[in-house]
């Protein structure tokens, strides 16, 4: 069975219904950081999937990151995100993971005054509410030359500001949402890439409220780099009616195609 789809949008589109490259959430109040703006648009993505294609080109950024708490935002004024400005790290921290679970902060009670469903503050081994910095440098594989390169962020609580090689990339405030950002112009295959993230858990997430039990902080889901061809299908799902086996409209993400391009899909019977 041969099905044809015509691209009617520009660089990326979704057949059926979707928003591609959206900027998530409303404006937040985060002091001087608001001047950075939203940055680049993120695209919905899957990070650390249960099943991953053997053809995928990816590099995990999980594991040890340099880490510093910064309650007075000294690092933003001091431009810690730029090369040569990063001070010696206070410690290493594991990603993914909440920083409280790794001993950041001091013993104290959970913030029951701002939590929606917690009537009494519980004792915590460690609590820290405020800004903190993450930094990690990795080598971009040489074999990725000529490909699109993406930074995929699993989740941040509650807001993260991201720089790549000193250039501001985006503001990410999805504590449960995963997005990827095209960083092809910011990194070079065969050379090192430094990702710096300023995370704050003392400002609201895009949902406009704190978490139900505790405003935890950190990069608490996986972080990855991924390389793709310049033209590729990011997602597609074949759907059909069981009654007559006719093909239903198929949702798919396409990148790098010109308007009017046709895509032919050969679906084998019974597949």
Protein backbone atom coordinates (compact mmCIF):
# COMPACT_ATOMS: atom_id res chain seq x y z
CA UNK A 1 0.00 0.00 0.00
CA UNK A 2 1.51 3.32 -1.10
CA UNK A 3 0.48 6.46 0.74
CA UNK A 4 1.54 9.96 -0.23
CA UNK A 5 1.75 12.99 2.02
CA UNK A 6 2.37 16.54 0.82
CA UNK A 7 4.29 19.01 2.95
CA UNK A 8 2.36 22.27 3.07
CA UNK A 9 4.31 23.97 5.86
CA UNK A 10 7.92 25.09 6.07
CA UNK A 11 10.85 23.53 7.91
CA UNK A 12 8.81 21.44 10.33
CA UNK A 13 5.17 20.43 10.45
CA UNK A 14 2.81 18.00 12.13
CA UNK A 15 0.05 16.31 10.15
CA UNK A 16 -3.26 16.27 12.03
CA UNK A 17 -2.95 18.60 15.07
CA UNK A 18 0.12 19.79 16.96
CA UNK A 19 2.25 22.79 17.76
CA UNK A 20 5.89 22.50 16.70
CA UNK A 21 8.58 24.70 18.15
CA UNK A 22 6.32 26.30 20.69
CA UNK A 23 7.57 28.38 23.57
CA UNK A 24 5.97 26.98 26.69
CA UNK A 25 4.20 28.84 29.42
CA UNK A 26 3.60 32.42 30.40
CA UNK A 27 6.08 35.04 31.50
CA UNK A 28 7.57 34.42 34.94
CA UNK A 29 8.89 36.82 37.55
CA UNK A 30 12.54 35.96 38.07
CA UNK A 31 14.17 39.35 38.56
CA UNK A 32 17.07 40.18 36.22
CA UNK A 33 16.76 36.82 34.47
CA UNK A 34 13.51 37.94 32.86
CA UNK A 35 15.59 40.16 30.57
CA UNK A 36 16.95 37.03 28.87
CA UNK A 37 13.55 36.24 27.41
CA UNK A 38 12.35 32.84 26.30
CA UNK A 39 15.26 32.17 23.97
CA UNK A 40 14.93 29.56 21.26
CA UNK A 41 11.75 27.58 20.82
CA UNK A 42 11.74 24.02 22.06
CA UNK A 43 10.26 21.03 20.25
CA UNK A 44 8.50 18.23 22.16
CA UNK A 45 10.87 15.28 22.49
CA UNK A 46 11.46 11.93 24.14
CA UNK A 47 14.49 11.61 26.41
CA UNK A 48 15.87 8.27 27.60
CA UNK A 49 13.16 6.18 25.89
CA UNK A 50 12.43 2.62 26.97
CA UNK A 51 13.12 1.45 23.41
CA UNK A 52 15.72 3.27 21.30
CA UNK A 53 16.53 2.61 17.65
CA UNK A 54 19.94 1.12 16.93
CA UNK A 55 20.29 3.80 14.24
CA UNK A 56 19.98 6.66 16.75
CA UNK A 57 23.03 8.88 17.30
CA UNK A 58 22.95 10.10 20.87
CA UNK A 59 25.18 10.96 23.79
CA UNK A 60 24.00 10.82 27.40
CA UNK A 61 24.83 13.79 29.61
CA UNK A 62 23.67 11.93 32.70
CA UNK A 63 26.08 11.43 35.54
CA UNK A 64 28.37 13.88 37.28
CA UNK A 65 27.98 17.65 36.71
CA UNK A 66 29.79 20.57 38.33
CA UNK A 67 27.47 22.32 40.77
CA UNK A 68 27.26 25.53 42.80
CA UNK A 69 24.46 27.12 44.79
CA UNK A 70 24.10 30.84 44.16
CA UNK A 71 21.49 32.42 46.47
CA UNK A 72 22.38 36.00 45.46
CA UNK A 73 22.65 35.36 41.69
CA UNK A 74 26.31 36.28 41.79
CA UNK A 75 26.97 33.93 38.89
CA UNK A 76 24.60 35.71 36.56
CA UNK A 77 26.24 39.06 37.24
CA UNK A 78 29.66 37.41 36.99
CA UNK A 79 28.68 35.64 33.73
CA UNK A 80 29.60 32.17 34.94
CA UNK A 81 28.13 30.80 31.72
CA UNK A 82 31.03 32.23 29.69
CA UNK A 83 34.34 30.49 29.10
CA UNK A 84 36.89 31.35 31.77
CA UNK A 85 34.33 32.85 34.17
CA UNK A 86 33.21 29.67 35.91
CA UNK A 87 34.67 29.49 39.44
CA UNK A 88 35.83 26.23 41.00
CA UNK A 89 32.79 24.05 41.55
CA UNK A 90 31.63 23.58 45.12
CA UNK A 91 30.89 19.94 44.45
CA UNK A 92 29.77 17.40 41.86
CA UNK A 93 26.12 16.45 41.57
CA UNK A 94 24.35 13.62 39.77
CA UNK A 95 21.90 14.17 36.92
CA UNK A 96 19.11 13.17 36.89
CA UNK A 97 18.16 13.90 40.46
CA UNK A 98 16.79 16.51 42.85
CA UNK A 99 19.50 18.41 44.67
CA UNK A 100 17.82 17.96 48.08
CA UNK A 101 18.14 14.19 47.66
CA UNK A 102 21.90 14.69 47.28
CA UNK A 103 22.44 16.70 50.44
CA UNK A 104 22.28 20.24 49.06
CA UNK A 105 21.18 22.72 51.72
CA UNK A 106 20.60 22.44 55.43
CA UNK A 107 18.22 20.35 57.55
CA UNK A 108 14.85 22.00 57.96
CA UNK A 109 11.14 21.77 57.36
CA UNK A 110 9.49 21.50 54.00
CA UNK A 111 7.85 24.69 52.80
CA UNK A 112 4.28 23.98 53.85
CA UNK A 113 3.43 27.66 53.56
CA UNK A 114 3.55 27.53 49.76
CA UNK A 115 2.69 23.90 49.05
CA UNK A 116 -0.84 23.29 47.82
CA UNK A 117 -1.68 20.09 49.68
CA UNK A 118 0.71 19.94 52.62
CA UNK A 119 -0.84 21.22 55.83
CA UNK A 120 2.22 20.68 58.00
CA UNK A 121 5.90 21.08 57.23
CA UNK A 122 7.84 17.82 57.47
CA UNK A 123 11.44 17.60 58.61
CA UNK A 124 13.91 17.25 55.72
CA UNK A 125 17.52 16.10 55.81
CA UNK A 126 18.37 18.98 53.48
CA UNK A 127 16.46 21.91 52.00
CA UNK A 128 17.57 24.63 49.62
CA UNK A 129 15.30 27.07 47.83
CA UNK A 130 17.00 29.41 45.38
CA UNK A 131 19.29 29.54 42.34
CA UNK A 132 21.93 26.90 41.62
CA UNK A 133 24.24 26.25 38.66
CA UNK A 134 24.97 23.08 36.70
CA UNK A 135 27.86 22.75 34.24
CA UNK A 136 29.12 19.88 32.10
CA UNK A 137 31.61 19.68 29.21
CA UNK A 138 31.51 16.81 26.72
CA UNK A 139 33.17 15.97 23.42
CA UNK A 140 30.84 16.09 20.42
CA UNK A 141 31.47 12.95 18.32
CA UNK A 142 33.40 13.59 15.10
CA UNK A 143 31.01 11.34 13.17
CA UNK A 144 28.25 13.88 13.79
CA UNK A 145 29.78 16.29 11.27
CA UNK A 146 27.16 17.64 8.86
CA UNK A 147 24.24 16.60 11.04
CA UNK A 148 21.75 18.56 13.09
CA UNK A 149 22.64 18.45 16.77
CA UNK A 150 20.03 18.75 19.49
CA UNK A 151 20.17 19.31 23.24
CA UNK A 152 17.36 17.38 24.93
CA UNK A 153 16.27 18.40 28.43
CA UNK A 154 14.14 15.90 30.32
CA UNK A 155 12.78 18.19 33.04
CA UNK A 156 13.74 21.09 35.29
CA UNK A 157 12.19 22.18 38.55
CA UNK A 158 11.08 24.74 38.42
CA UNK A 159 12.81 26.95 35.80
CA UNK A 160 16.13 26.53 34.03
CA UNK A 161 18.08 29.01 31.89
CA UNK A 162 20.40 27.22 29.47
CA UNK A 163 23.65 28.31 27.81
CA UNK A 164 25.71 26.31 25.31
CA UNK A 165 29.34 27.35 24.84
CA UNK A 166 28.53 30.70 26.43
CA UNK A 167 25.54 31.51 24.20
CA UNK A 168 22.10 31.80 25.77
CA UNK A 169 19.88 29.05 24.39
CA UNK A 170 16.51 28.92 26.11
CA UNK A 171 14.40 29.15 29.22
CA UNK A 172 12.96 25.77 30.15
CA UNK A 173 10.22 25.54 32.75
CA UNK A 174 8.69 22.12 32.41
CA UNK A 175 8.99 20.06 35.57
CA UNK A 176 7.40 17.10 33.75
CA UNK A 177 7.81 18.01 30.07
CA UNK A 178 10.64 17.09 27.71
CA UNK A 179 11.89 19.42 24.98
CA UNK A 180 14.80 19.55 22.58
CA UNK A 181 16.65 22.54 21.16
CA UNK A 182 18.61 22.81 17.91
CA UNK A 183 22.20 23.72 18.83
CA UNK A 184 23.80 22.92 15.46
CA UNK A 185 25.19 26.45 15.13
CA UNK A 186 26.58 26.47 18.68
CA UNK A 187 28.69 23.30 18.68
CA UNK A 188 31.16 21.63 16.32
CA UNK A 189 31.61 17.92 15.76
CA UNK A 190 34.95 16.75 17.12
CA UNK A 191 35.19 19.61 19.61
CA UNK A 192 34.07 20.09 23.20
CA UNK A 193 30.70 21.57 24.13
CA UNK A 194 29.88 23.09 27.51
CA UNK A 195 26.30 23.12 28.75
CA UNK A 196 25.54 25.47 31.65
CA UNK A 197 22.14 25.56 33.34
CA UNK A 198 20.97 27.99 36.01
CA UNK A 199 18.11 26.36 37.91
CA UNK A 200 15.74 28.09 40.31
CA UNK A 201 13.15 26.36 42.49
CA UNK A 202 12.08 29.55 44.26
CA UNK A 203 9.97 30.84 41.36
CA UNK A 204 6.76 29.29 39.98
CA UNK A 205 6.77 26.62 37.32
CA UNK A 206 4.66 27.17 34.19
CA UNK A 207 1.72 25.68 36.10
CA UNK A 208 1.80 28.70 38.40
CA UNK A 209 2.15 26.83 41.69
CA UNK A 210 4.66 24.87 43.67
CA UNK A 211 4.64 21.11 43.92
CA UNK A 212 2.17 19.38 46.19
CA UNK A 213 4.63 18.34 48.89
CA UNK A 214 7.93 20.07 48.35
CA UNK A 215 9.53 22.56 45.99
CA UNK A 216 12.43 20.34 45.05
CA UNK A 217 15.09 21.63 42.67
CA UNK A 218 17.33 20.45 39.89
CA UNK A 219 17.68 18.62 36.60
CA UNK A 220 15.62 15.67 37.72
CA UNK A 221 15.27 13.85 34.39
CA UNK A 222 17.83 12.79 31.80
CA UNK A 223 19.78 15.18 29.57
CA UNK A 224 21.09 14.11 26.14
CA UNK A 225 22.66 15.25 22.91
CA UNK A 226 21.27 13.79 19.70
CA UNK A 227 22.37 14.04 16.06
CA UNK A 228 19.96 13.72 13.14
CA UNK A 229 20.18 14.14 9.36
CA UNK A 230 19.32 17.59 8.04
CA UNK A 231 16.12 16.09 6.58
CA UNK A 232 14.39 13.49 8.71
CA UNK A 233 11.14 12.17 10.10
CA UNK A 234 11.13 12.80 13.82
CA UNK A 235 7.95 10.93 14.65
CA UNK A 236 5.35 8.96 12.71
CA UNK A 237 2.57 6.60 13.71
CA UNK A 238 0.68 4.45 11.23
CA UNK A 239 -3.03 4.24 12.03
CA UNK A 240 -5.80 2.33 10.29
CA UNK A 241 -9.42 1.40 10.72
CA UNK A 242 -9.79 -2.21 11.76
CA UNK A 243 -13.15 -2.51 9.99
CA UNK A 244 -11.93 -1.96 6.43
CA UNK A 245 -8.14 -1.58 6.97
CA UNK A 246 -8.23 1.89 5.43
CA UNK A 247 -5.43 4.25 6.45
CA UNK A 248 -6.28 7.12 8.78
CA UNK A 249 -4.49 10.50 8.80
CA UNK A 250 -1.01 9.84 10.13
CA UNK A 251 0.61 12.18 12.69
CA UNK A 252 4.24 12.90 11.89
CA UNK A 253 6.98 15.46 12.43
CA UNK A 254 9.13 16.35 9.41
CA UNK A 255 12.23 18.53 9.36
CA UNK A 256 14.15 20.09 6.49
CA UNK A 257 11.50 19.66 3.78
CA UNK A 258 10.44 22.41 1.42
CA UNK A 259 6.76 23.37 1.06
CA UNK A 260 5.04 21.18 -1.52
CA UNK A 261 7.40 18.24 -1.10
CA UNK A 262 5.78 14.81 -1.35
CA UNK A 263 6.59 11.85 0.86
CA UNK A 264 5.77 8.32 -0.28
CA UNK A 265 5.30 5.67 2.39
CA UNK A 266 5.17 1.99 1.44
CA UNK A 267 3.24 0.00 4.04
CA UNK A 268 3.39 -3.76 3.68
CA UNK A 269 0.07 -5.60 4.07
CA UNK A 270 -0.40 -6.96 7.56
CA UNK A 271 2.21 -4.63 9.08
